[in-house]
Structures are given as C-alpha cells and as structure tokens.
N, C-alpha and C. Protein backbone atom coordinates (compact mmCIF):
# COMPACT_ATOMS: atom_id res chain seq x y z
N MET A 1 19.19 22.53 23.07
CA MET A 1 18.51 21.58 22.11
C MET A 1 19.01 20.19 22.19
N THR A 2 17.88 19.31 22.14
CA THR A 2 18.16 17.99 22.48
C THR A 2 18.49 17.26 20.56
N ASN A 3 19.66 16.65 20.93
CA ASN A 3 20.09 15.82 19.66
C ASN A 3 19.38 14.64 19.43
N ASP A 4 18.90 14.03 18.38
CA ASP A 4 17.89 12.80 18.26
C ASP A 4 18.60 11.67 18.51
N LEU A 5 19.87 11.85 18.17
CA LEU A 5 20.85 10.36 18.65
C LEU A 5 21.00 10.23 19.87
N GLU A 6 21.02 11.34 20.72
CA GLU A 6 21.15 11.41 22.20
C GLU A 6 19.51 10.83 22.98
N THR A 7 18.69 11.31 22.39
CA THR A 7 17.44 10.76 23.00
C THR A 7 16.77 9.37 22.18
N GLY A 8 17.31 8.76 21.06
CA GLY A 8 16.81 7.73 20.59
C GLY A 8 15.92 7.68 19.89
N GLU A 9 15.08 9.32 20.06
CA GLU A 9 13.89 9.20 19.05
C GLU A 9 14.36 9.71 17.66
N GLU A 10 13.36 8.99 16.71
CA GLU A 10 13.43 9.54 15.38
C GLU A 10 12.71 10.56 15.07
N PRO A 11 13.50 11.32 13.99
CA PRO A 11 13.05 12.73 13.51
C PRO A 11 11.74 12.70 13.03
N PRO A 12 11.05 13.76 13.28
CA PRO A 12 9.75 13.60 12.84
C PRO A 12 9.24 12.86 11.25
N GLU A 13 10.39 13.29 10.37
CA GLU A 13 10.17 13.14 8.97
C GLU A 13 10.33 11.64 8.63
N LYS A 14 11.34 11.07 9.55
CA LYS A 14 11.59 9.53 9.44
C LYS A 14 10.13 8.63 9.96
N VAL A 15 9.56 9.30 11.36
CA VAL A 15 8.30 8.51 11.58
C VAL A 15 7.39 8.58 10.40
N LYS A 16 7.37 9.90 9.97
CA LYS A 16 6.24 9.88 8.92
C LYS A 16 6.40 8.92 7.78
N LEU A 17 7.83 9.06 7.51
CA LEU A 17 8.02 8.05 6.13
C LEU A 17 7.65 6.55 6.49
N GLU A 18 8.15 6.25 7.80
CA GLU A 18 7.54 4.86 8.29
C GLU A 18 6.00 4.60 8.51
N GLU A 19 5.40 5.63 8.43
CA GLU A 19 4.16 5.34 8.82
C GLU A 19 3.22 5.31 7.27
N LEU A 20 4.07 6.14 6.09
CA LEU A 20 3.78 5.89 5.05
C LEU A 20 3.66 4.45 4.53
N ARG A 21 5.22 3.80 4.62
CA ARG A 21 5.75 2.89 4.39
C ARG A 21 4.40 1.53 5.14
N ASP A 22 4.45 1.87 6.12
CA ASP A 22 3.24 0.57 6.92
C ASP A 22 1.91 0.88 6.01
N GLU A 23 1.16 2.22 5.47
CA GLU A 23 -0.08 2.38 5.18
C GLU A 23 0.40 1.52 3.68
N TYR A 24 1.06 1.56 3.23
CA TYR A 24 1.57 0.88 1.82
C TYR A 24 1.59 -0.53 1.89
N ARG A 25 2.22 -1.05 3.02
CA ARG A 25 2.13 -2.73 3.23
C ARG A 25 0.85 -3.03 3.59
N ARG A 26 0.08 -2.49 4.61
CA ARG A 26 -1.33 -2.82 4.81
C ARG A 26 -2.34 -2.52 3.69
N ALA A 27 -2.04 -1.82 2.69
CA ALA A 27 -3.07 -1.51 1.52
C ALA A 27 -2.80 -2.82 0.66
N ASN A 28 -1.43 -3.37 0.57
CA ASN A 28 -0.68 -4.05 -0.50
C ASN A 28 -1.59 -5.59 0.15
N LYS A 29 -1.34 -5.59 1.63
CA LYS A 29 -1.85 -7.02 2.20
C LYS A 29 -3.20 -6.90 2.27
N ALA A 30 -4.16 -6.07 2.14
CA ALA A 30 -5.61 -6.03 2.03
C ALA A 30 -5.65 -6.55 0.61
N HIS A 31 -4.88 -6.02 -0.37
CA HIS A 31 -5.39 -6.27 -1.66
C HIS A 31 -5.07 -7.43 -2.09
N ASP A 32 -4.07 -8.11 -1.89
CA ASP A 32 -3.78 -9.69 -1.65
C ASP A 32 -4.80 -10.40 -0.98
N SER A 33 -5.26 -9.90 0.06
CA SER A 33 -6.38 -10.85 0.86
C SER A 33 -7.73 -10.68 0.01
N LEU A 34 -7.96 -9.53 -0.75
CA LEU A 34 -9.11 -9.48 -1.55
C LEU A 34 -8.90 -10.30 -2.83
N ARG A 35 -7.74 -10.37 -3.13
CA ARG A 35 -7.50 -11.17 -4.67
C ARG A 35 -7.94 -12.57 -4.40
N GLU A 36 -7.30 -12.85 -3.08
CA GLU A 36 -7.42 -14.49 -2.65
C GLU A 36 -9.01 -14.70 -2.41
N SER A 37 -9.70 -13.79 -1.65
CA SER A 37 -10.98 -14.12 -1.67
C SER A 37 -11.80 -14.18 -2.73
N LEU A 38 -11.51 -13.48 -4.12
CA LEU A 38 -12.29 -13.36 -5.19
C LEU A 38 -11.90 -14.64 -5.73
N GLU A 39 -10.69 -15.20 -5.69
CA GLU A 39 -10.05 -16.57 -6.21
C GLU A 39 -10.94 -17.56 -6.01
N GLU A 40 -11.23 -17.57 -4.48
CA GLU A 40 -11.86 -18.85 -3.90
C GLU A 40 -13.44 -18.86 -4.30
N GLU A 41 -14.01 -17.48 -4.45
CA GLU A 41 -15.39 -17.02 -5.14
C GLU A 41 -15.36 -17.84 -6.50
N VAL A 42 -14.60 -17.47 -7.11
CA VAL A 42 -14.54 -17.68 -8.54
C VAL A 42 -14.61 -19.40 -8.57
N ALA A 43 -13.68 -20.03 -7.75
CA ALA A 43 -13.17 -21.25 -7.73
C ALA A 43 -14.45 -22.10 -7.44
N THR A 44 -15.38 -21.86 -6.50
CA THR A 44 -16.52 -22.33 -6.36
C THR A 44 -17.74 -22.10 -7.42
N GLY A 45 -17.35 -21.58 -8.29
CA GLY A 45 -18.34 -21.10 -9.19
C GLY A 45 -19.27 -19.98 -8.86
N GLN A 46 -19.05 -19.12 -8.28
CA GLN A 46 -20.18 -18.32 -7.76
C GLN A 46 -20.33 -17.11 -9.06
N TYR A 47 -19.36 -17.42 -9.86
CA TYR A 47 -19.45 -16.07 -10.91
C TYR A 47 -19.26 -16.86 -12.21
N THR A 48 -19.62 -16.45 -13.54
CA THR A 48 -19.45 -16.89 -14.76
C THR A 48 -17.90 -16.19 -15.09
N ASP A 49 -17.31 -16.84 -16.00
CA ASP A 49 -15.60 -16.52 -16.46
C ASP A 49 -15.68 -15.06 -16.75
N GLU A 50 -16.93 -14.66 -17.42
CA GLU A 50 -16.79 -13.06 -17.79
C GLU A 50 -16.88 -12.24 -16.45
N GLU A 51 -18.02 -12.58 -15.62
CA GLU A 51 -17.82 -11.78 -14.49
C GLU A 51 -16.52 -11.82 -13.63
N ALA A 52 -15.75 -13.12 -13.71
CA ALA A 52 -14.89 -13.15 -12.59
C ALA A 52 -13.78 -12.17 -13.53
N ASP A 53 -13.84 -12.32 -14.47
CA ASP A 53 -12.37 -11.62 -15.52
C ASP A 53 -12.87 -10.37 -15.17
N GLU A 54 -13.91 -9.53 -15.21
CA GLU A 54 -14.41 -8.06 -14.91
C GLU A 54 -14.00 -7.67 -13.84
N MET A 55 -14.23 -8.71 -12.76
CA MET A 55 -13.86 -8.45 -11.50
C MET A 55 -12.54 -8.47 -10.90
N SER A 56 -11.91 -9.25 -11.45
CA SER A 56 -10.31 -9.44 -11.48
C SER A 56 -9.56 -8.34 -11.87
N ILE A 57 -10.17 -7.41 -13.32
CA ILE A 57 -9.50 -6.62 -13.79
C ILE A 57 -9.81 -5.10 -12.90
N ARG A 58 -10.92 -5.11 -12.18
CA ARG A 58 -11.44 -3.91 -11.50
C ARG A 58 -10.74 -3.75 -10.00
N LEU A 59 -10.27 -5.37 -9.94
CA LEU A 59 -9.87 -5.07 -8.37
C LEU A 59 -8.28 -4.66 -8.55
N GLU A 60 -7.68 -5.44 -9.60
CA GLU A 60 -6.44 -5.14 -10.04
C GLU A 60 -6.09 -3.71 -9.92
N GLU A 61 -6.82 -2.94 -10.90
CA GLU A 61 -6.77 -1.35 -11.10
C GLU A 61 -7.14 -0.72 -9.90
N SER A 62 -8.09 -1.14 -9.30
CA SER A 62 -8.06 -0.31 -7.82
C SER A 62 -6.92 -0.31 -6.85
N GLY A 63 -6.75 -1.73 -6.75
CA GLY A 63 -5.61 -2.03 -5.91
C GLY A 63 -4.24 -1.24 -6.33
N ARG A 64 -3.91 -1.21 -7.90
CA ARG A 64 -2.73 -0.51 -8.10
C ARG A 64 -2.76 0.96 -7.98
N ASP A 65 -4.14 1.70 -8.46
CA ASP A 65 -4.15 2.81 -8.12
C ASP A 65 -3.89 3.41 -6.70
N ARG A 66 -4.51 2.42 -5.71
CA ARG A 66 -4.22 2.71 -4.07
C ARG A 66 -2.94 2.86 -3.87
N LEU A 67 -2.08 1.70 -4.25
CA LEU A 67 -0.70 1.49 -3.92
C LEU A 67 0.06 2.73 -4.88
N ASP A 68 -0.37 2.98 -5.78
CA ASP A 68 0.58 4.13 -6.56
C ASP A 68 0.26 5.34 -5.95
N GLU A 69 -0.93 5.76 -5.60
CA GLU A 69 -1.08 6.87 -4.76
C GLU A 69 -0.30 7.15 -3.27
N ILE A 70 -0.35 5.72 -2.87
CA ILE A 70 0.52 5.86 -1.37
C ILE A 70 2.29 6.08 -1.82
N GLN A 71 2.48 5.25 -2.93
CA GLN A 71 4.12 5.31 -3.29
C GLN A 71 4.22 6.91 -3.54
N SER A 72 3.45 7.44 -4.40
CA SER A 72 3.45 9.24 -4.74
C SER A 72 3.89 9.89 -3.69
N ARG A 73 3.00 9.73 -2.23
CA ARG A 73 3.16 10.32 -1.28
C ARG A 73 4.56 10.10 -0.51
N ILE A 74 5.12 8.61 -0.68
CA ILE A 74 6.34 8.44 -0.05
C ILE A 74 7.21 8.98 -1.01
N GLU A 75 7.34 8.92 -2.15
CA GLU A 75 8.11 9.78 -3.05
C GLU A 75 8.27 11.42 -2.53
N ALA A 76 7.06 11.88 -2.62
CA ALA A 76 6.91 13.19 -2.51
C ALA A 76 7.59 13.47 -1.01
N HIS A 77 7.12 12.81 0.15
CA HIS A 77 7.91 13.08 1.13
C HIS A 77 9.47 13.04 1.57
N CYS A 78 9.87 11.96 0.86
CA CYS A 78 11.36 11.88 0.43
C CYS A 78 12.33 12.97 0.05
N ARG A 79 11.55 13.57 -1.27
CA ARG A 79 12.04 14.52 -1.84
C ARG A 79 12.11 15.47 -1.05
N THR A 80 10.87 15.95 -0.27
CA THR A 80 11.01 17.12 0.53
C THR A 80 11.93 17.20 1.68
N PHE A 81 12.42 16.02 2.21
CA PHE A 81 13.18 15.76 3.39
C PHE A 81 14.29 15.15 3.31
N GLY A 82 14.80 14.99 1.70
CA GLY A 82 16.05 14.44 1.30
C GLY A 82 16.20 13.03 1.93
N LEU A 83 15.43 12.11 1.96
CA LEU A 83 15.21 10.78 2.47
C LEU A 83 15.24 9.88 1.22
N ARG A 84 15.60 8.81 1.36
CA ARG A 84 15.54 7.68 0.36
C ARG A 84 14.02 6.88 0.67
N PRO A 85 13.53 6.63 -0.66
CA PRO A 85 12.06 5.79 -0.52
C PRO A 85 12.47 4.57 -0.05
C-alpha cells in the first residue's frame, strides 16, 4: 500500500474538495460578471428603473441559490470525510 505522502498525491477526498471549491469560485466569478454586465446595460438606459430593479433582484437570488447549493455540497463533503470547509 502506497502512502499519499510518499507519492505526493492528494487523497481523493481532498481532490474532490478542491474541485468543489473551484466550482464555487467559478460560479461566483460568473455571477460577478453577470452583475457587471447588467450594471453596464442599466447605465446605458437599456432598461427602465423598474425593469433593472427586478432583473437585479432575480440575478442576486439565482446567484445566491447557486452559491448556496455548492456551499452545501462542500459542507456535506467535509462532514463525510472529516475535512474543514
């Protein structure tokens, strides 16, 4: 049996945790980009104030839902394998 420290390889549960963290970072970055795009479109007058407010609210809710879902998966993974989130 090979020790992970000897091979320099991360255990699969830590690799999966890093994948989940990367997914969270990518989703957060994508959400930030969408928010910036919306702000630019609003600044150019493409939407009424009411439309812009509604779009902003929907964007924030969907972004938060997505990030919360990934965070829940991270926390569940950590509980399962005794890791720190």
